[in-house]
Amino acid sequence: MKPLIAANWKMHKLPSEVTAWASDFEAALADTDRSRFDLAICAPFTHLSALAAALDGTGVAVGAQDVSSHAEGAYTGEVSAAMLKDLGVRYVIVGHSERRAYHHEDDALVRGKLERVLESGMTPILCVGETLQEREGGRAREVTLGQLRGALEGVALGNAGGLVVAYEPVWAIGTGKTATDADAQEMCGAIRAALKELLPELGGAVRILYGGSMKGDNAAGLLAQPDIQGGLVGSASLDARSLAQIAAAC
């Protein structure tokens, strides 16, 4: 499977900064064989139009960080999947740990968002992962696979490329801590096994990303693991050269 490197800018940068960043990113990738991997930049809603224009013709996909579970209607402040698709968005993050923690999103809500993304012909990046307390309590696999099953229960998937799963150990997000290559592979291997059970014909070909303080100096080891097909990159993606370095490790 071709790796996917997906940047998650979170609530950083301004729309007016997008064009310069994209130019720097293209320059940083100039000597890299880009046929080896896919790239996506997941930015705040306010940045998406500028990002789509800046990335036009580069082969880098535009991604969103969230979506409404409603198709349309009187939901002030919400952004629908159809609106994102109309802007040229290809990937949408659903179930990120920060949404689960700060906005109390449960598996049912995450599943609703994932279904709206699939219905609109975009690809959801489904995030799953445990907190430090859950890991230290021996519940890492239980929690992570529970989130996976909760989000995918009853969901129809047309092809393996229509879904990406990102394993994000919450204790490693933005903390500088990173799961060891072996730890990451153990959990991503468990996710792969669960995907094969949930999606017998497709689960073996769904891309699994690692998301938890992936950087240029640890990307190669993580990406070399058999069940890791890319990364969901947070803080390191804010610097164009840093993200290009991670992509070059594929």
C-alpha atoms as a PDB file:
ATOM      1  CA  MET A   1       0.000   0.000   0.000  1.00  0.00           C
ATOM      2  CA  LYS A   2       1.212   3.488  -0.807  1.00  0.00           C
ATOM      3  CA  PRO A   3       1.759   5.416   2.448  1.00  0.00           C
ATOM      4  CA  LEU A   4      -0.343   8.479   3.252  1.00  0.00           C
ATOM      5  CA  ILE A   5       1.177  11.399   5.112  1.00  0.00           C
ATOM      6  CA  ALA A   6      -1.670  13.565   6.414  1.00  0.00           C
ATOM      7  CA  ALA A   7      -0.929  16.860   8.149  1.00  0.00           C
ATOM      8  CA  ASN A   8      -3.253  18.070  10.895  1.00  0.00           C
ATOM      9  CA  TRP A   9      -2.719  21.789  11.469  1.00  0.00           C
ATOM     10  CA  LYS A  10      -5.295  21.856  14.283  1.00  0.00           C
ATOM     11  CA  MET A  11      -6.077  25.485  15.252  1.00  0.00           C
ATOM     12  CA  HIS A  12      -2.904  27.016  13.861  1.00  0.00           C
ATOM     13  CA  LYS A  13      -1.971  29.406  11.058  1.00  0.00           C
ATOM     14  CA  LEU A  14      -4.074  32.030   9.309  1.00  0.00           C
ATOM     15  CA  PRO A  15      -5.765  31.728   5.921  1.00  0.00           C
ATOM     16  CA  SER A  16      -3.428  34.449   4.660  1.00  0.00           C
ATOM     17  CA  GLU A  17      -0.430  32.246   5.491  1.00  0.00           C
ATOM     18  CA  VAL A  18      -1.526  29.269   3.412  1.00  0.00           C
ATOM     19  CA  THR A  19      -0.065  30.299   0.040  1.00  0.00           C
ATOM     20  CA  ALA A  20       3.418  30.950   1.397  1.00  0.00           C
ATOM     21  CA  TRP A  21       3.387  27.659   3.320  1.00  0.00           C
ATOM     22  CA  ALA A  22       2.345  25.724   0.213  1.00  0.00           C
ATOM     23  CA  SER A  23       5.113  27.356  -1.808  1.00  0.00           C
ATOM     24  CA  ASP A  24       7.681  26.437   0.848  1.00  0.00           C
ATOM     25  CA  PHE A  25       6.360  22.876   0.928  1.00  0.00           C
ATOM     26  CA  GLU A  26       6.651  22.452  -2.832  1.00  0.00           C
ATOM     27  CA  ALA A  27      10.220  23.731  -2.676  1.00  0.00           C
ATOM     28  CA  ALA A  28      11.070  21.365   0.183  1.00  0.00           C
ATOM     29  CA  LEU A  29       9.773  18.392  -1.825  1.00  0.00           C
ATOM     30  CA  ALA A  30      11.604  19.353  -5.019  1.00  0.00           C
ATOM     31  CA  ASP A  31      14.149  16.521  -4.856  1.00  0.00           C
ATOM     32  CA  THR A  32      11.786  13.875  -3.436  1.00  0.00           C
ATOM     33  CA  ASP A  33      10.170  11.090  -5.445  1.00  0.00           C
ATOM     34  CA  ARG A  34       6.554  11.900  -4.716  1.00  0.00           C
ATOM     35  CA  SER A  35       5.252   8.802  -6.480  1.00  0.00           C
ATOM     36  CA  ARG A  36       6.143   6.820  -3.338  1.00  0.00           C
ATOM     37  CA  PHE A  37       3.455   8.374  -1.111  1.00  0.00           C
ATOM     38  CA  ASP A  38       0.215  10.347  -0.955  1.00  0.00           C
ATOM     39  CA  LEU A  39      -0.082  13.685   0.847  1.00  0.00           C
ATOM     40  CA  ALA A  40      -2.990  15.521   2.467  1.00  0.00           C
ATOM     41  CA  ILE A  41      -3.168  18.740   4.460  1.00  0.00           C
ATOM     42  CA  CYS A  42      -6.042  18.877   6.978  1.00  0.00           C
ATOM     43  CA  ALA A  43      -6.688  22.494   7.900  1.00  0.00           C
ATOM     44  CA  PRO A  44      -9.339  24.545   9.729  1.00  0.00           C
ATOM     45  CA  PHE A  45     -12.565  25.251   7.832  1.00  0.00           C
ATOM     46  CA  THR A  46     -11.556  28.890   7.320  1.00  0.00           C
ATOM     47  CA  HIS A  47      -8.419  27.844   5.429  1.00  0.00           C
ATOM     48  CA  LEU A  48      -9.873  25.307   3.016  1.00  0.00           C
ATOM     49  CA  SER A  49     -10.635  27.563   0.031  1.00  0.00           C
ATOM     50  CA  ALA A  50      -7.186  29.132   0.126  1.00  0.00           C
ATOM     51  CA  LEU A  51      -5.583  25.728   0.607  1.00  0.00           C
ATOM     52  CA  ALA A  52      -7.460  24.219  -2.356  1.00  0.00           C
ATOM     53  CA  ALA A  53      -6.252  27.084  -4.559  1.00  0.00           C
ATOM     54  CA  ALA A  54      -2.664  26.887  -3.295  1.00  0.00           C
ATOM     55  CA  LEU A  55      -2.445  23.098  -3.776  1.00  0.00           C
ATOM     56  CA  ASP A  56      -4.207  22.989  -7.141  1.00  0.00           C
ATOM     57  CA  GLY A  57      -2.167  20.923  -9.580  1.00  0.00           C
ATOM     58  CA  THR A  58       0.334  19.735  -6.968  1.00  0.00           C
ATOM     59  CA  GLY A  59      -1.246  16.354  -6.264  1.00  0.00           C
ATOM     60  CA  VAL A  60      -1.510  17.222  -2.555  1.00  0.00           C
ATOM     61  CA  ALA A  61      -5.046  16.606  -1.269  1.00  0.00           C
ATOM     62  CA  VAL A  62      -7.059  18.976   0.902  1.00  0.00           C
ATOM     63  CA  GLY A  63      -8.460  17.641   4.156  1.00  0.00           C
ATOM     64  CA  ALA A  64     -10.812  18.936   6.846  1.00  0.00           C
ATOM     65  CA  GLN A  65     -10.491  18.374  10.593  1.00  0.00           C
ATOM     66  CA  ASP A  66     -14.142  17.723  11.409  1.00  0.00           C
ATOM     67  CA  VAL A  67     -17.630  17.537   9.904  1.00  0.00           C
ATOM     68  CA  SER A  68     -21.239  17.615  11.061  1.00  0.00           C
ATOM     69  CA  SER A  69     -23.109  14.362  11.581  1.00  0.00           C
ATOM     70  CA  HIS A  70     -26.117  16.056   9.929  1.00  0.00           C
ATOM     71  CA  ALA A  71     -26.547  16.219   6.161  1.00  0.00           C
ATOM     72  CA  GLU A  72     -28.095  19.714   6.297  1.00  0.00           C
ATOM     73  CA  GLY A  73     -30.586  21.769   8.259  1.00  0.00           C
ATOM     74  CA  ALA A  74     -30.934  24.272  11.096  1.00  0.00           C
ATOM     75  CA  TYR A  75     -27.609  23.516  12.802  1.00  0.00           C
ATOM     76  CA  THR A  76     -25.954  26.862  13.388  1.00  0.00           C
ATOM     77  CA  GLY A  77     -22.173  26.695  13.303  1.00  0.00           C
ATOM     78  CA  GLU A  78     -22.033  23.225  11.766  1.00  0.00           C
ATOM     79  CA  VAL A  79     -20.325  22.395   8.457  1.00  0.00           C
ATOM     80  CA  SER A  80     -21.747  19.586   6.341  1.00  0.00           C
ATOM     81  CA  ALA A  81     -19.923  16.961   4.311  1.00  0.00           C
ATOM     82  CA  ALA A  82     -21.508  18.303   1.125  1.00  0.00           C
ATOM     83  CA  MET A  83     -20.082  21.766   1.871  1.00  0.00           C
ATOM     84  CA  LEU A  84     -16.618  20.284   2.306  1.00  0.00           C
ATOM     85  CA  LYS A  85     -16.900  18.239  -0.888  1.00  0.00           C
ATOM     86  CA  ASP A  86     -17.924  21.384  -2.774  1.00  0.00           C
ATOM     87  CA  LEU A  87     -14.672  23.048  -1.667  1.00  0.00           C
ATOM     88  CA  GLY A  88     -12.578  20.218  -3.081  1.00  0.00           C
ATOM     89  CA  VAL A  89     -11.920  18.393   0.193  1.00  0.00           C
ATOM     90  CA  ARG A  90     -10.849  14.735  -0.165  1.00  0.00           C
ATOM     91  CA  TYR A  91     -10.135  13.616   3.406  1.00  0.00           C
ATOM     92  CA  VAL A  92     -11.966  14.377   6.650  1.00  0.00           C
ATOM     93  CA  ILE A  93     -10.684  13.585  10.137  1.00  0.00           C
ATOM     94  CA  VAL A  94     -13.357  12.065  12.377  1.00  0.00           C
ATOM     95  CA  GLY A  95     -13.127  11.003  16.012  1.00  0.00           C
ATOM     96  CA  HIS A  96      -9.908  12.834  16.846  1.00  0.00           C
ATOM     97  CA  SER A  97      -9.046  12.436  20.532  1.00  0.00           C
ATOM     98  CA  GLU A  98      -9.369  16.186  21.084  1.00  0.00           C
ATOM     99  CA  ARG A  99     -12.927  16.092  19.765  1.00  0.00           C
ATOM    100  CA  ARG A 100     -13.696  13.095  21.969  1.00  0.00           C
ATOM    101  CA  ALA A 101     -12.181  14.737  25.058  1.00  0.00           C
ATOM    102  CA  TYR A 102     -13.119  18.416  24.700  1.00  0.00           C
ATOM    103  CA  HIS A 103     -16.467  18.028  22.901  1.00  0.00           C
ATOM    104  CA  HIS A 104     -17.543  14.709  24.438  1.00  0.00           C
ATOM    105  CA  GLU A 105     -17.977  12.943  21.113  1.00  0.00           C
ATOM    106  CA  ASP A 106     -18.985   9.322  21.580  1.00  0.00           C
ATOM    107  CA  ASP A 107     -18.790   6.400  19.172  1.00  0.00           C
ATOM    108  CA  ALA A 108     -22.331   6.951  17.880  1.00  0.00           C
ATOM    109  CA  LEU A 109     -21.595  10.559  16.926  1.00  0.00           C
ATOM    110  CA  VAL A 110     -18.285   9.601  15.339  1.00  0.00           C
ATOM    111  CA  ARG A 111     -20.079   6.907  13.333  1.00  0.00           C
ATOM    112  CA  GLY A 112     -22.641   9.460  12.126  1.00  0.00           C
ATOM    113  CA  LYS A 113     -19.876  11.780  10.936  1.00  0.00           C
ATOM    114  CA  LEU A 114     -18.050   8.919   9.236  1.00  0.00           C
ATOM    115  CA  GLU A 115     -21.230   7.923   7.397  1.00  0.00           C
ATOM    116  CA  ARG A 116     -21.793  11.483   6.133  1.00  0.00           C
ATOM    117  CA  VAL A 117     -18.229  11.601   4.814  1.00  0.00           C
ATOM    118  CA  LEU A 118     -18.624   8.270   3.015  1.00  0.00           C
ATOM    119  CA  GLU A 119     -21.996   9.288   1.546  1.00  0.00           C
ATOM    120  CA  SER A 120     -20.370  12.396   0.081  1.00  0.00           C
ATOM    121  CA  GLY A 121     -17.628  10.399  -1.637  1.00  0.00           C
ATOM    122  CA  MET A 122     -14.787  11.636   0.564  1.00  0.00           C
ATOM    123  CA  THR A 123     -12.440   9.521   2.675  1.00  0.00           C
ATOM    124  CA  PRO A 124     -12.715   9.597   6.469  1.00  0.00           C
ATOM    125  CA  ILE A 125      -9.575   9.397   8.582  1.00  0.00           C
ATOM    126  CA  LEU A 126     -10.953   7.618  11.635  1.00  0.00           C
ATOM    127  CA  CYS A 127      -8.895   8.282  14.762  1.00  0.00           C
ATOM    128  CA  VAL A 128      -8.693   5.758  17.580  1.00  0.00           C
ATOM    129  CA  GLY A 129      -6.401   5.477  20.573  1.00  0.00           C
ATOM    130  CA  GLU A 130      -6.002   5.265  24.328  1.00  0.00           C
ATOM    131  CA  THR A 131      -5.063   7.734  27.054  1.00  0.00           C
ATOM    132  CA  LEU A 132      -2.067   7.264  29.335  1.00  0.00           C
ATOM    133  CA  GLN A 133      -4.357   6.183  32.190  1.00  0.00           C
ATOM    134  CA  GLU A 134      -6.006   3.577  29.983  1.00  0.00           C
ATOM    135  CA  ARG A 135      -2.636   2.277  28.779  1.00  0.00           C
ATOM    136  CA  GLU A 136      -1.209   2.040  32.283  1.00  0.00           C
ATOM    137  CA  GLY A 137      -4.398   0.254  33.352  1.00  0.00           C
ATOM    138  CA  GLY A 138      -3.847  -2.416  30.711  1.00  0.00           C
ATOM    139  CA  ARG A 139      -6.836  -1.283  28.641  1.00  0.00           C
ATOM    140  CA  ALA A 140      -5.081   0.126  25.564  1.00  0.00           C
ATOM    141  CA  ARG A 141      -6.262  -2.585  23.191  1.00  0.00           C
ATOM    142  CA  GLU A 142      -9.755  -2.756  24.680  1.00  0.00           C
ATOM    143  CA  VAL A 143     -10.309   0.998  24.365  1.00  0.00           C
ATOM    144  CA  THR A 144      -8.776   1.398  20.920  1.00  0.00           C
ATOM    145  CA  LEU A 145     -10.540  -1.548  19.332  1.00  0.00           C
ATOM    146  CA  GLY A 146     -13.766  -0.563  21.070  1.00  0.00           C
ATOM    147  CA  GLN A 147     -13.599   2.836  19.373  1.00  0.00           C
ATOM    148  CA  LEU A 148     -12.870   1.167  16.039  1.00  0.00           C
ATOM    149  CA  ARG A 149     -15.802  -1.217  16.301  1.00  0.00           C
ATOM    150  CA  GLY A 150     -18.112   1.492  17.627  1.00  0.00           C
ATOM    151  CA  ALA A 151     -17.407   3.750  14.657  1.00  0.00           C
ATOM    152  CA  LEU A 152     -17.600   1.049  11.982  1.00  0.00           C
ATOM    153  CA  GLU A 153     -20.569  -0.937  13.279  1.00  0.00           C
ATOM    154  CA  GLY A 154     -23.024  -1.359  10.420  1.00  0.00           C
ATOM    155  CA  VAL A 155     -21.069   0.952   8.102  1.00  0.00           C
ATOM    156  CA  ALA A 156     -20.970  -0.086   4.444  1.00  0.00           C
ATOM    157  CA  LEU A 157     -17.600   0.453   2.764  1.00  0.00           C
ATOM    158  CA  GLY A 158     -17.360   0.265  -1.019  1.00  0.00           C
ATOM    159  CA  ASN A 159     -13.597  -0.174  -1.269  1.00  0.00           C
ATOM    160  CA  ALA A 160     -10.530  -0.278   0.972  1.00  0.00           C
ATOM    161  CA  GLY A 161      -9.381   3.120  -0.262  1.00  0.00           C
ATOM    162  CA  GLY A 162     -12.565   4.652   1.109  1.00  0.00           C
ATOM    163  CA  LEU A 163     -11.337   4.481   4.713  1.00  0.00           C
ATOM    164  CA  VAL A 164      -8.173   5.420   6.581  1.00  0.00           C
ATOM    165  CA  VAL A 165      -7.644   4.558  10.255  1.00  0.00           C
ATOM    166  CA  ALA A 166      -5.217   6.563  12.392  1.00  0.00           C
ATOM    167  CA  TYR A 167      -3.924   5.084  15.622  1.00  0.00           C
ATOM    168  CA  GLU A 168      -3.154   7.986  17.941  1.00  0.00           C
ATOM    169  CA  PRO A 169      -1.980   7.126  21.453  1.00  0.00           C
ATOM    170  CA  VAL A 170      -3.409  10.163  23.232  1.00  0.00           C
ATOM    171  CA  TRP A 171      -0.488  10.300  25.637  1.00  0.00           C
ATOM    172  CA  ALA A 172       1.865  10.913  22.688  1.00  0.00           C
ATOM    173  CA  ILE A 173      -0.041  13.725  20.966  1.00  0.00           C
ATOM    174  CA  GLY A 174       1.786  17.025  21.187  1.00  0.00           C
ATOM    175  CA  THR A 175       3.760  15.835  24.223  1.00  0.00           C
ATOM    176  CA  GLY A 176       6.986  14.960  22.487  1.00  0.00           C
ATOM    177  CA  LYS A 177       6.529  11.374  23.691  1.00  0.00           C
ATOM    178  CA  THR A 178       6.287   8.760  20.989  1.00  0.00           C
ATOM    179  CA  ALA A 179       5.340   5.118  21.132  1.00  0.00           C
ATOM    180  CA  THR A 180       8.282   2.895  20.320  1.00  0.00           C
ATOM    181  CA  ASP A 181       8.251   1.296  16.891  1.00  0.00           C
ATOM    182  CA  ALA A 182       7.322  -1.997  18.555  1.00  0.00           C
ATOM    183  CA  ASP A 183       4.515  -0.429  20.628  1.00  0.00           C
ATOM    184  CA  ALA A 184       3.066   1.283  17.571  1.00  0.00           C
ATOM    185  CA  GLN A 185       3.242  -1.899  15.497  1.00  0.00           C
ATOM    186  CA  GLU A 186       1.625  -3.968  18.249  1.00  0.00           C
ATOM    187  CA  MET A 187      -1.410  -1.696  18.361  1.00  0.00           C
ATOM    188  CA  CYS A 188      -1.616  -1.180  14.608  1.00  0.00           C
ATOM    189  CA  GLY A 189      -1.350  -4.951  14.163  1.00  0.00           C
ATOM    190  CA  ALA A 190      -4.303  -5.373  16.519  1.00  0.00           C
ATOM    191  CA  ILE A 191      -6.222  -2.761  14.531  1.00  0.00           C
ATOM    192  CA  ARG A 192      -5.419  -4.633  11.315  1.00  0.00           C
ATOM    193  CA  ALA A 193      -6.731  -7.895  12.776  1.00  0.00           C
ATOM    194  CA  ALA A 194      -9.926  -6.173  13.920  1.00  0.00           C
ATOM    195  CA  LEU A 195     -10.399  -4.554  10.498  1.00  0.00           C
ATOM    196  CA  LYS A 196     -10.169  -7.967   8.855  1.00  0.00           C
ATOM    197  CA  GLU A 197     -12.919  -9.188  11.162  1.00  0.00           C
ATOM    198  CA  LEU A 198     -15.128  -6.137  10.655  1.00  0.00           C
ATOM    199  CA  LEU A 199     -14.507  -5.853   6.911  1.00  0.00           C
ATOM    200  CA  PRO A 200     -13.531  -9.369   5.766  1.00  0.00           C
ATOM    201  CA  GLU A 201     -13.017  -8.492   2.114  1.00  0.00           C
ATOM    202  CA  LEU A 202     -11.427  -5.069   2.593  1.00  0.00           C
ATOM    203  CA  GLY A 203      -9.857  -4.846   6.047  1.00  0.00           C
ATOM    204  CA  GLY A 204      -6.477  -6.151   4.928  1.00  0.00           C
ATOM    205  CA  ALA A 205      -6.053  -3.234   2.508  1.00  0.00           C
ATOM    206  CA  VAL A 206      -7.210  -0.279   4.633  1.00  0.00           C
ATOM    207  CA  ARG A 207      -4.357   2.136   5.335  1.00  0.00           C
ATOM    208  CA  ILE A 208      -3.427   2.519   9.007  1.00  0.00           C
ATOM    209  CA  LEU A 209      -1.576   5.665  10.054  1.00  0.00           C
ATOM    210  CA  TYR A 210       0.377   6.363  13.226  1.00  0.00           C
ATOM    211  CA  GLY A 211      -0.424   9.694  14.864  1.00  0.00           C
ATOM    212  CA  GLY A 212       1.532  10.690  17.932  1.00  0.00           C
ATOM    213  CA  SER A 213       4.489  13.086  17.707  1.00  0.00           C
ATOM    214  CA  MET A 214       5.803  11.684  14.423  1.00  0.00           C
ATOM    215  CA  LYS A 215       8.844  13.723  13.390  1.00  0.00           C
ATOM    216  CA  GLY A 216      11.600  13.604  10.844  1.00  0.00           C
ATOM    217  CA  ASP A 217      13.938  11.729  13.173  1.00  0.00           C
ATOM    218  CA  ASN A 218      11.526   8.920  14.087  1.00  0.00           C
ATOM    219  CA  ALA A 219       9.381   8.647  10.954  1.00  0.00           C
ATOM    220  CA  ALA A 220      11.496   6.071   9.130  1.00  0.00           C
ATOM    221  CA  GLY A 221      11.356   3.543  11.967  1.00  0.00           C
ATOM    222  CA  LEU A 222       7.614   3.921  12.424  1.00  0.00           C
ATOM    223  CA  LEU A 223       6.882   3.783   8.694  1.00  0.00           C
ATOM    224  CA  ALA A 224       8.966   0.621   8.338  1.00  0.00           C
ATOM    225  CA  GLN A 225       6.496  -1.347  10.481  1.00  0.00           C
ATOM    226  CA  PRO A 226       4.329  -3.802   8.506  1.00  0.00           C
ATOM    227  CA  ASP A 227       0.981  -2.446   9.697  1.00  0.00           C
ATOM    228  CA  ILE A 228       1.775   1.285   9.514  1.00  0.00           C
ATOM    229  CA  GLN A 229       1.059   2.850   6.128  1.00  0.00           C
ATOM    230  CA  GLY A 230       1.643   6.505   6.908  1.00  0.00           C
ATOM    231  CA  GLY A 231       1.303   9.170   9.549  1.00  0.00           C
ATOM    232  CA  LEU A 232      -1.158  11.712  10.886  1.00  0.00           C
ATOM    233  CA  VAL A 233       1.258  14.531  11.660  1.00  0.00           C
ATOM    234  CA  GLY A 234       0.392  17.358  14.056  1.00  0.00           C
ATOM    235  CA  SER A 235       2.886  19.951  15.263  1.00  0.00           C
ATOM    236  CA  ALA A 236       5.654  18.809  12.912  1.00  0.00           C
ATOM    237  CA  SER A 237       3.424  19.584   9.925  1.00  0.00           C
ATOM    238  CA  LEU A 238       3.317  23.303  10.675  1.00  0.00           C
ATOM    239  CA  ASP A 239       6.835  23.649   9.301  1.00  0.00           C
ATOM    240  CA  ALA A 240       6.928  22.854   5.580  1.00  0.00           C
ATOM    241  CA  ARG A 241      10.464  21.465   5.636  1.00  0.00           C
ATOM    242  CA  SER A 242       9.703  19.255   8.626  1.00  0.00           C
ATOM    243  CA  LEU A 243       6.667  17.719   6.918  1.00  0.00           C
ATOM    244  CA  ALA A 244       8.656  17.193   3.716  1.00  0.00           C
ATOM    245  CA  GLN A 245      11.334  15.378   5.727  1.00  0.00           C
ATOM    246  CA  ILE A 246       8.706  13.003   7.137  1.00  0.00           C
ATOM    247  CA  ALA A 247       7.268  12.359   3.674  1.00  0.00           C
ATOM    248  CA  ALA A 248      10.749  11.639   2.311  1.00  0.00           C
ATOM    249  CA  ALA A 249      11.107   8.885   4.936  1.00  0.00           C
ATOM    250  CA  CYS A 250       8.389   6.834   3.214  1.00  0.00           C
END
